[in-house]
């Protein structure tokens, strides 16, 4: 009899449909709440006015993806805001928001300490705070989030002064990205060979083999290389030497 599997599939589909509808309703209620009371009455307004510190005239600017504000989601001061306009300054590691209501448009620098996470288009960022001098605190993009492992990526830019006649402007050059892995029970660690072999000695052979066979991947796309390494560490049974 195949009735049970069919019934289970039907019930699962019904549950998923109801759950999705409830999630969408909750999202719409948040948006409705924001639009009714006005952004001027929300905690979002406790930032400072946006000031463009660096003049740029081409695509070599300091913002993530685009110099314009982009659609996003924000977790700020304990509340989630959907369908907001965000702009992330990579160089200064600051997040800006554009607020529009009946009183006009305001562009604000959000208070960094109140930002827990945000999403710009399909890219999710979280704020990491470290007391360890080996890691830099700030906003990191989450490029992998699976069962027992997360990979965080920190972008870096370097400004250069330029002059066009009498106009002073800046161009921002991409620097080497920083990657941090997180695994429950192990904590945060760098994906360096020495660190990996020290923390996961039982998997040193698999790690070495992965590194050897994916040299081209690392040269072409460090993100893909790190994601593959993360999936490997999540898949195989690696024991932490500190336990």
C-alpha atoms as a PDB file:
ATOM      1  CA  UNK A   1       0.000   0.000   0.000  1.00  0.00           C
ATOM      2  CA  UNK A   2       1.313   3.470  -0.942  1.00  0.00           C
ATOM      3  CA  UNK A   3      -1.401   5.427   0.864  1.00  0.00           C
ATOM      4  CA  UNK A   4       0.787   6.290   3.876  1.00  0.00           C
ATOM      5  CA  UNK A   5       3.631   7.868   1.859  1.00  0.00           C
ATOM      6  CA  UNK A   6       1.130   9.800  -0.259  1.00  0.00           C
ATOM      7  CA  UNK A   7      -0.718  10.992   2.845  1.00  0.00           C
ATOM      8  CA  UNK A   8       2.557  12.034   4.470  1.00  0.00           C
ATOM      9  CA  UNK A   9       3.598  13.975   1.361  1.00  0.00           C
ATOM     10  CA  UNK A  10       0.218  15.700   1.243  1.00  0.00           C
ATOM     11  CA  UNK A  11       0.361  16.673   4.925  1.00  0.00           C
ATOM     12  CA  UNK A  12       3.948  17.911   4.549  1.00  0.00           C
ATOM     13  CA  UNK A  13       2.934  20.036   1.550  1.00  0.00           C
ATOM     14  CA  UNK A  14      -0.008  21.471   3.488  1.00  0.00           C
ATOM     15  CA  UNK A  15       2.217  22.261   6.480  1.00  0.00           C
ATOM     16  CA  UNK A  16       4.844  23.912   4.265  1.00  0.00           C
ATOM     17  CA  UNK A  17       2.183  25.978   2.489  1.00  0.00           C
ATOM     18  CA  UNK A  18       0.657  27.193   5.759  1.00  0.00           C
ATOM     19  CA  UNK A  19       4.108  27.942   7.222  1.00  0.00           C
ATOM     20  CA  UNK A  20       5.119  29.928   4.129  1.00  0.00           C
ATOM     21  CA  UNK A  21       1.885  31.897   4.204  1.00  0.00           C
ATOM     22  CA  UNK A  22       2.349  32.692   7.893  1.00  0.00           C
ATOM     23  CA  UNK A  23       5.946  33.819   7.305  1.00  0.00           C
ATOM     24  CA  UNK A  24       4.864  36.068   4.421  1.00  0.00           C
ATOM     25  CA  UNK A  25       1.996  37.457   6.498  1.00  0.00           C
ATOM     26  CA  UNK A  26       4.393  38.241   9.364  1.00  0.00           C
ATOM     27  CA  UNK A  27       6.745  39.986   6.921  1.00  0.00           C
ATOM     28  CA  UNK A  28       3.899  42.036   5.468  1.00  0.00           C
ATOM     29  CA  UNK A  29       2.710  42.995   8.959  1.00  0.00           C
ATOM     30  CA  UNK A  30       6.171  44.321   9.801  1.00  0.00           C
ATOM     31  CA  UNK A  31       6.197  46.378   6.608  1.00  0.00           C
ATOM     32  CA  UNK A  32       2.673  47.633   7.280  1.00  0.00           C
ATOM     33  CA  UNK A  33       3.622  48.575  10.834  1.00  0.00           C
ATOM     34  CA  UNK A  34       6.623  50.538   9.594  1.00  0.00           C
ATOM     35  CA  UNK A  35       4.650  52.386   6.919  1.00  0.00           C
ATOM     36  CA  UNK A  36       1.777  53.280   9.273  1.00  0.00           C
ATOM     37  CA  UNK A  37       3.773  54.794  12.153  1.00  0.00           C
ATOM     38  CA  UNK A  38       6.422  56.358   9.915  1.00  0.00           C
ATOM     39  CA  UNK A  39      10.149  55.709   9.927  1.00  0.00           C
ATOM     40  CA  UNK A  40      10.743  58.838  12.004  1.00  0.00           C
ATOM     41  CA  UNK A  41       9.290  56.961  15.002  1.00  0.00           C
ATOM     42  CA  UNK A  42      11.365  53.805  14.536  1.00  0.00           C
ATOM     43  CA  UNK A  43      14.707  52.938  16.176  1.00  0.00           C
ATOM     44  CA  UNK A  44      16.232  53.157  12.689  1.00  0.00           C
ATOM     45  CA  UNK A  45      16.288  56.923  12.937  1.00  0.00           C
ATOM     46  CA  UNK A  46      18.858  56.903  15.765  1.00  0.00           C
ATOM     47  CA  UNK A  47      21.780  56.926  13.340  1.00  0.00           C
ATOM     48  CA  UNK A  48      23.540  59.950  11.863  1.00  0.00           C
ATOM     49  CA  UNK A  49      23.117  61.596   8.480  1.00  0.00           C
ATOM     50  CA  UNK A  50      25.091  60.003   5.649  1.00  0.00           C
ATOM     51  CA  UNK A  51      28.221  61.943   4.699  1.00  0.00           C
ATOM     52  CA  UNK A  52      30.197  60.897   1.634  1.00  0.00           C
ATOM     53  CA  UNK A  53      33.784  61.138   2.862  1.00  0.00           C
ATOM     54  CA  UNK A  54      35.474  59.956  -0.341  1.00  0.00           C
ATOM     55  CA  UNK A  55      34.654  61.404  -3.745  1.00  0.00           C
ATOM     56  CA  UNK A  56      34.639  58.739  -6.474  1.00  0.00           C
ATOM     57  CA  UNK A  57      33.962  59.211 -10.177  1.00  0.00           C
ATOM     58  CA  UNK A  58      34.098  55.672 -11.572  1.00  0.00           C
ATOM     59  CA  UNK A  59      33.326  52.061 -10.674  1.00  0.00           C
ATOM     60  CA  UNK A  60      36.249  51.841  -8.262  1.00  0.00           C
ATOM     61  CA  UNK A  61      34.167  52.979  -5.294  1.00  0.00           C
ATOM     62  CA  UNK A  62      34.099  51.617  -1.750  1.00  0.00           C
ATOM     63  CA  UNK A  63      30.561  50.264  -1.688  1.00  0.00           C
ATOM     64  CA  UNK A  64      29.371  46.669  -1.934  1.00  0.00           C
ATOM     65  CA  UNK A  65      27.924  45.889  -5.369  1.00  0.00           C
ATOM     66  CA  UNK A  66      26.829  49.438  -6.227  1.00  0.00           C
ATOM     67  CA  UNK A  67      27.170  53.034  -5.077  1.00  0.00           C
ATOM     68  CA  UNK A  68      23.353  53.237  -5.053  1.00  0.00           C
ATOM     69  CA  UNK A  69      21.113  51.838  -2.329  1.00  0.00           C
ATOM     70  CA  UNK A  70      19.972  48.260  -2.912  1.00  0.00           C
ATOM     71  CA  UNK A  71      17.054  46.153  -1.653  1.00  0.00           C
ATOM     72  CA  UNK A  72      17.773  44.376   1.594  1.00  0.00           C
ATOM     73  CA  UNK A  73      16.728  43.071   4.993  1.00  0.00           C
ATOM     74  CA  UNK A  74      18.073  44.397   8.286  1.00  0.00           C
ATOM     75  CA  UNK A  75      18.202  43.079  11.850  1.00  0.00           C
ATOM     76  CA  UNK A  76      18.683  46.218  13.918  1.00  0.00           C
ATOM     77  CA  UNK A  77      18.293  46.869  17.623  1.00  0.00           C
ATOM     78  CA  UNK A  78      16.426  43.594  18.121  1.00  0.00           C
ATOM     79  CA  UNK A  79      13.957  44.022  15.250  1.00  0.00           C
ATOM     80  CA  UNK A  80      13.931  42.786  11.664  1.00  0.00           C
ATOM     81  CA  UNK A  81      13.097  45.210   8.839  1.00  0.00           C
ATOM     82  CA  UNK A  82      12.182  43.883   5.402  1.00  0.00           C
ATOM     83  CA  UNK A  83      12.330  45.565   2.002  1.00  0.00           C
ATOM     84  CA  UNK A  84      14.645  48.373   3.108  1.00  0.00           C
ATOM     85  CA  UNK A  85      17.219  50.247   1.037  1.00  0.00           C
ATOM     86  CA  UNK A  86      20.776  49.543   2.224  1.00  0.00           C
ATOM     87  CA  UNK A  87      24.302  50.491   1.210  1.00  0.00           C
ATOM     88  CA  UNK A  88      27.434  48.909   2.711  1.00  0.00           C
ATOM     89  CA  UNK A  89      30.728  50.812   2.804  1.00  0.00           C
ATOM     90  CA  UNK A  90      33.384  48.073   2.635  1.00  0.00           C
ATOM     91  CA  UNK A  91      36.343  50.330   3.385  1.00  0.00           C
ATOM     92  CA  UNK A  92      34.913  51.985   6.497  1.00  0.00           C
ATOM     93  CA  UNK A  93      32.843  48.908   7.417  1.00  0.00           C
ATOM     94  CA  UNK A  94      29.693  51.000   7.823  1.00  0.00           C
ATOM     95  CA  UNK A  95      26.087  50.361   6.859  1.00  0.00           C
ATOM     96  CA  UNK A  96      23.728  53.031   5.525  1.00  0.00           C
ATOM     97  CA  UNK A  97      19.976  53.064   5.047  1.00  0.00           C
ATOM     98  CA  UNK A  98      17.637  55.218   2.970  1.00  0.00           C
ATOM     99  CA  UNK A  99      14.354  56.051   4.681  1.00  0.00           C
ATOM    100  CA  UNK A 100      11.359  57.436   2.831  1.00  0.00           C
ATOM    101  CA  UNK A 101       8.003  58.551   4.193  1.00  0.00           C
ATOM    102  CA  UNK A 102       5.623  61.499   3.969  1.00  0.00           C
ATOM    103  CA  UNK A 103       8.207  63.803   5.520  1.00  0.00           C
ATOM    104  CA  UNK A 104      10.760  63.107   2.785  1.00  0.00           C
ATOM    105  CA  UNK A 105      13.901  61.036   2.240  1.00  0.00           C
ATOM    106  CA  UNK A 106      16.724  60.598   4.715  1.00  0.00           C
ATOM    107  CA  UNK A 107      19.988  58.711   4.288  1.00  0.00           C
ATOM    108  CA  UNK A 108      21.414  57.544   7.583  1.00  0.00           C
ATOM    109  CA  UNK A 109      24.527  55.832   8.895  1.00  0.00           C
ATOM    110  CA  UNK A 110      23.276  53.078  11.185  1.00  0.00           C
ATOM    111  CA  UNK A 111      24.794  52.636  14.632  1.00  0.00           C
ATOM    112  CA  UNK A 112      27.149  49.721  14.132  1.00  0.00           C
ATOM    113  CA  UNK A 113      26.678  48.282  17.617  1.00  0.00           C
ATOM    114  CA  UNK A 114      22.949  47.884  16.966  1.00  0.00           C
ATOM    115  CA  UNK A 115      23.334  46.009  13.665  1.00  0.00           C
ATOM    116  CA  UNK A 116      23.194  42.241  14.183  1.00  0.00           C
ATOM    117  CA  UNK A 117      22.963  41.195  10.547  1.00  0.00           C
ATOM    118  CA  UNK A 118      21.770  42.374   7.149  1.00  0.00           C
ATOM    119  CA  UNK A 119      21.136  41.078   3.665  1.00  0.00           C
ATOM    120  CA  UNK A 120      21.755  42.946   0.411  1.00  0.00           C
ATOM    121  CA  UNK A 121      20.136  41.199  -2.530  1.00  0.00           C
ATOM    122  CA  UNK A 122      21.214  37.555  -2.057  1.00  0.00           C
ATOM    123  CA  UNK A 123      24.247  38.272   0.128  1.00  0.00           C
ATOM    124  CA  UNK A 124      23.938  37.791   3.897  1.00  0.00           C
ATOM    125  CA  UNK A 125      26.235  39.572   6.360  1.00  0.00           C
ATOM    126  CA  UNK A 126      26.717  39.068  10.072  1.00  0.00           C
ATOM    127  CA  UNK A 127      28.623  41.098  12.634  1.00  0.00           C
ATOM    128  CA  UNK A 128      31.472  39.294  14.380  1.00  0.00           C
ATOM    129  CA  UNK A 129      33.169  40.687  17.462  1.00  0.00           C
ATOM    130  CA  UNK A 130      36.539  39.352  18.562  1.00  0.00           C
ATOM    131  CA  UNK A 131      38.781  40.048  21.521  1.00  0.00           C
ATOM    132  CA  UNK A 132      41.462  37.887  19.916  1.00  0.00           C
ATOM    133  CA  UNK A 133      43.990  40.118  18.157  1.00  0.00           C
ATOM    134  CA  UNK A 134      44.286  37.562  15.369  1.00  0.00           C
ATOM    135  CA  UNK A 135      40.837  38.381  13.953  1.00  0.00           C
ATOM    136  CA  UNK A 136      39.270  41.656  12.865  1.00  0.00           C
ATOM    137  CA  UNK A 137      35.853  42.540  14.251  1.00  0.00           C
ATOM    138  CA  UNK A 138      33.220  43.842  11.855  1.00  0.00           C
ATOM    139  CA  UNK A 139      30.773  42.803   9.151  1.00  0.00           C
ATOM    140  CA  UNK A 140      31.471  39.516   7.381  1.00  0.00           C
ATOM    141  CA  UNK A 141      29.583  37.928   4.510  1.00  0.00           C
ATOM    142  CA  UNK A 142      28.329  34.422   5.251  1.00  0.00           C
ATOM    143  CA  UNK A 143      29.341  32.469   2.137  1.00  0.00           C
ATOM    144  CA  UNK A 144      28.523  29.019   3.564  1.00  0.00           C
ATOM    145  CA  UNK A 145      26.110  27.986   6.311  1.00  0.00           C
ATOM    146  CA  UNK A 146      25.567  24.244   6.579  1.00  0.00           C
ATOM    147  CA  UNK A 147      25.023  21.661   9.311  1.00  0.00           C
ATOM    148  CA  UNK A 148      28.016  22.188  11.591  1.00  0.00           C
ATOM    149  CA  UNK A 149      30.090  24.779   9.792  1.00  0.00           C
ATOM    150  CA  UNK A 150      30.004  28.405   8.690  1.00  0.00           C
ATOM    151  CA  UNK A 151      32.408  30.358   6.518  1.00  0.00           C
ATOM    152  CA  UNK A 152      32.725  34.118   6.881  1.00  0.00           C
ATOM    153  CA  UNK A 153      34.361  36.383   4.327  1.00  0.00           C
ATOM    154  CA  UNK A 154      35.752  39.848   5.055  1.00  0.00           C
ATOM    155  CA  UNK A 155      36.379  42.101   2.067  1.00  0.00           C
ATOM    156  CA  UNK A 156      39.141  44.693   2.099  1.00  0.00           C
ATOM    157  CA  UNK A 157      39.829  47.780  -0.023  1.00  0.00           C
ATOM    158  CA  UNK A 158      42.727  50.216  -0.254  1.00  0.00           C
ATOM    159  CA  UNK A 159      42.130  53.846  -1.289  1.00  0.00           C
ATOM    160  CA  UNK A 160      44.382  55.771  -3.646  1.00  0.00           C
ATOM    161  CA  UNK A 161      44.250  59.533  -4.197  1.00  0.00           C
ATOM    162  CA  UNK A 162      43.798  60.638  -7.801  1.00  0.00           C
ATOM    163  CA  UNK A 163      43.616  64.028  -9.485  1.00  0.00           C
ATOM    164  CA  UNK A 164      41.829  65.085 -12.636  1.00  0.00           C
ATOM    165  CA  UNK A 165      42.819  68.682 -13.298  1.00  0.00           C
ATOM    166  CA  UNK A 166      41.867  70.347  -9.996  1.00  0.00           C
ATOM    167  CA  UNK A 167      39.496  67.630  -8.822  1.00  0.00           C
ATOM    168  CA  UNK A 168      40.634  65.295  -6.048  1.00  0.00           C
ATOM    169  CA  UNK A 169      38.982  61.872  -6.034  1.00  0.00           C
ATOM    170  CA  UNK A 170      39.671  58.337  -4.865  1.00  0.00           C
ATOM    171  CA  UNK A 171      39.876  54.906  -6.409  1.00  0.00           C
ATOM    172  CA  UNK A 172      39.550  51.815  -4.236  1.00  0.00           C
ATOM    173  CA  UNK A 173      41.573  48.735  -5.109  1.00  0.00           C
ATOM    174  CA  UNK A 174      40.528  45.280  -3.973  1.00  0.00           C
ATOM    175  CA  UNK A 175      42.822  43.658  -1.408  1.00  0.00           C
ATOM    176  CA  UNK A 176      43.111  40.044  -0.306  1.00  0.00           C
ATOM    177  CA  UNK A 177      39.928  38.749   1.317  1.00  0.00           C
ATOM    178  CA  UNK A 178      39.962  37.336   4.845  1.00  0.00           C
ATOM    179  CA  UNK A 179      38.205  34.028   5.533  1.00  0.00           C
ATOM    180  CA  UNK A 180      37.184  32.683   8.921  1.00  0.00           C
ATOM    181  CA  UNK A 181      35.663  29.263   9.581  1.00  0.00           C
ATOM    182  CA  UNK A 182      33.397  28.445  12.516  1.00  0.00           C
ATOM    183  CA  UNK A 183      32.674  24.956  13.796  1.00  0.00           C
ATOM    184  CA  UNK A 184      30.800  24.196  17.062  1.00  0.00           C
ATOM    185  CA  UNK A 185      33.191  22.804  19.645  1.00  0.00           C
ATOM    186  CA  UNK A 186      36.152  24.168  17.712  1.00  0.00           C
ATOM    187  CA  UNK A 187      35.235  27.835  17.491  1.00  0.00           C
ATOM    188  CA  UNK A 188      36.612  30.296  14.947  1.00  0.00           C
ATOM    189  CA  UNK A 189      39.748  29.405  13.018  1.00  0.00           C
ATOM    190  CA  UNK A 190      41.682  30.385   9.913  1.00  0.00           C
ATOM    191  CA  UNK A 191      41.712  27.972   6.949  1.00  0.00           C
ATOM    192  CA  UNK A 192      45.506  27.796   6.860  1.00  0.00           C
ATOM    193  CA  UNK A 193      47.195  24.427   6.396  1.00  0.00           C
ATOM    194  CA  UNK A 194      49.101  24.709   9.676  1.00  0.00           C
ATOM    195  CA  UNK A 195      45.933  25.599  11.594  1.00  0.00           C
ATOM    196  CA  UNK A 196      43.833  22.891   9.935  1.00  0.00           C
ATOM    197  CA  UNK A 197      46.432  20.182  10.538  1.00  0.00           C
ATOM    198  CA  UNK A 198      46.775  21.278  14.151  1.00  0.00           C
ATOM    199  CA  UNK A 199      43.051  21.316  14.844  1.00  0.00           C
ATOM    200  CA  UNK A 200      42.080  18.294  12.736  1.00  0.00           C
ATOM    201  CA  UNK A 201      45.062  15.896  12.717  1.00  0.00           C
ATOM    202  CA  UNK A 202      42.829  12.909  11.960  1.00  0.00           C
ATOM    203  CA  UNK A 203      41.821  14.525   8.653  1.00  0.00           C
ATOM    204  CA  UNK A 204      45.196  15.888   7.554  1.00  0.00           C
ATOM    205  CA  UNK A 205      45.381  13.432   4.638  1.00  0.00           C
ATOM    206  CA  UNK A 206      41.984  14.454   3.238  1.00  0.00           C
ATOM    207  CA  UNK A 207      42.767  18.147   3.693  1.00  0.00           C
ATOM    208  CA  UNK A 208      46.126  17.824   1.954  1.00  0.00           C
ATOM    209  CA  UNK A 209      44.566  15.899  -0.926  1.00  0.00           C
ATOM    210  CA  UNK A 210      41.811  18.501  -1.349  1.00  0.00           C
ATOM    211  CA  UNK A 211      44.360  21.326  -1.378  1.00  0.00           C
ATOM    212  CA  UNK A 212      46.523  19.533  -3.924  1.00  0.00           C
ATOM    213  CA  UNK A 213      43.721  18.699  -6.355  1.00  0.00           C
ATOM    214  CA  UNK A 214      42.036  22.126  -6.190  1.00  0.00           C
ATOM    215  CA  UNK A 215      44.922  24.511  -6.846  1.00  0.00           C
ATOM    216  CA  UNK A 216      43.318  25.831 -10.030  1.00  0.00           C
ATOM    217  CA  UNK A 217      40.031  26.409  -8.231  1.00  0.00           C
ATOM    218  CA  UNK A 218      41.799  28.476  -5.588  1.00  0.00           C
ATOM    219  CA  UNK A 219      43.519  30.599  -8.243  1.00  0.00           C
ATOM    220  CA  UNK A 220      40.290  31.193 -10.164  1.00  0.00           C
ATOM    221  CA  UNK A 221      37.860  31.580  -7.251  1.00  0.00           C
ATOM    222  CA  UNK A 222      38.941  31.606  -3.625  1.00  0.00           C
ATOM    223  CA  UNK A 223      35.286  31.583  -2.584  1.00  0.00           C
ATOM    224  CA  UNK A 224      34.615  28.284  -4.361  1.00  0.00           C
ATOM    225  CA  UNK A 225      37.796  26.777  -2.933  1.00  0.00           C
ATOM    226  CA  UNK A 226      36.844  27.752   0.622  1.00  0.00           C
ATOM    227  CA  UNK A 227      33.276  26.530   0.188  1.00  0.00           C
ATOM    228  CA  UNK A 228      34.567  23.166  -1.040  1.00  0.00           C
ATOM    229  CA  UNK A 229      36.952  22.953   1.906  1.00  0.00           C
ATOM    230  CA  UNK A 230      34.134  23.792   4.279  1.00  0.00           C
ATOM    231  CA  UNK A 231      31.911  21.079   2.832  1.00  0.00           C
ATOM    232  CA  UNK A 232      34.773  18.613   3.220  1.00  0.00           C
ATOM    233  CA  UNK A 233      35.291  19.478   6.899  1.00  0.00           C
ATOM    234  CA  UNK A 234      31.555  19.248   7.478  1.00  0.00           C
ATOM    235  CA  UNK A 235      31.256  15.898   5.725  1.00  0.00           C
ATOM    236  CA  UNK A 236      34.186  13.929   7.112  1.00  0.00           C
ATOM    237  CA  UNK A 237      34.577  12.989  10.775  1.00  0.00           C
ATOM    238  CA  UNK A 238      37.377  15.261  11.978  1.00  0.00           C
ATOM    239  CA  UNK A 239      38.296  15.272  15.638  1.00  0.00           C
ATOM    240  CA  UNK A 240      39.556  18.473  17.234  1.00  0.00           C
ATOM    241  CA  UNK A 241      42.955  17.975  18.849  1.00  0.00           C
ATOM    242  CA  UNK A 242      41.989  20.307  21.681  1.00  0.00           C
ATOM    243  CA  UNK A 243      39.468  17.754  22.961  1.00  0.00           C
END
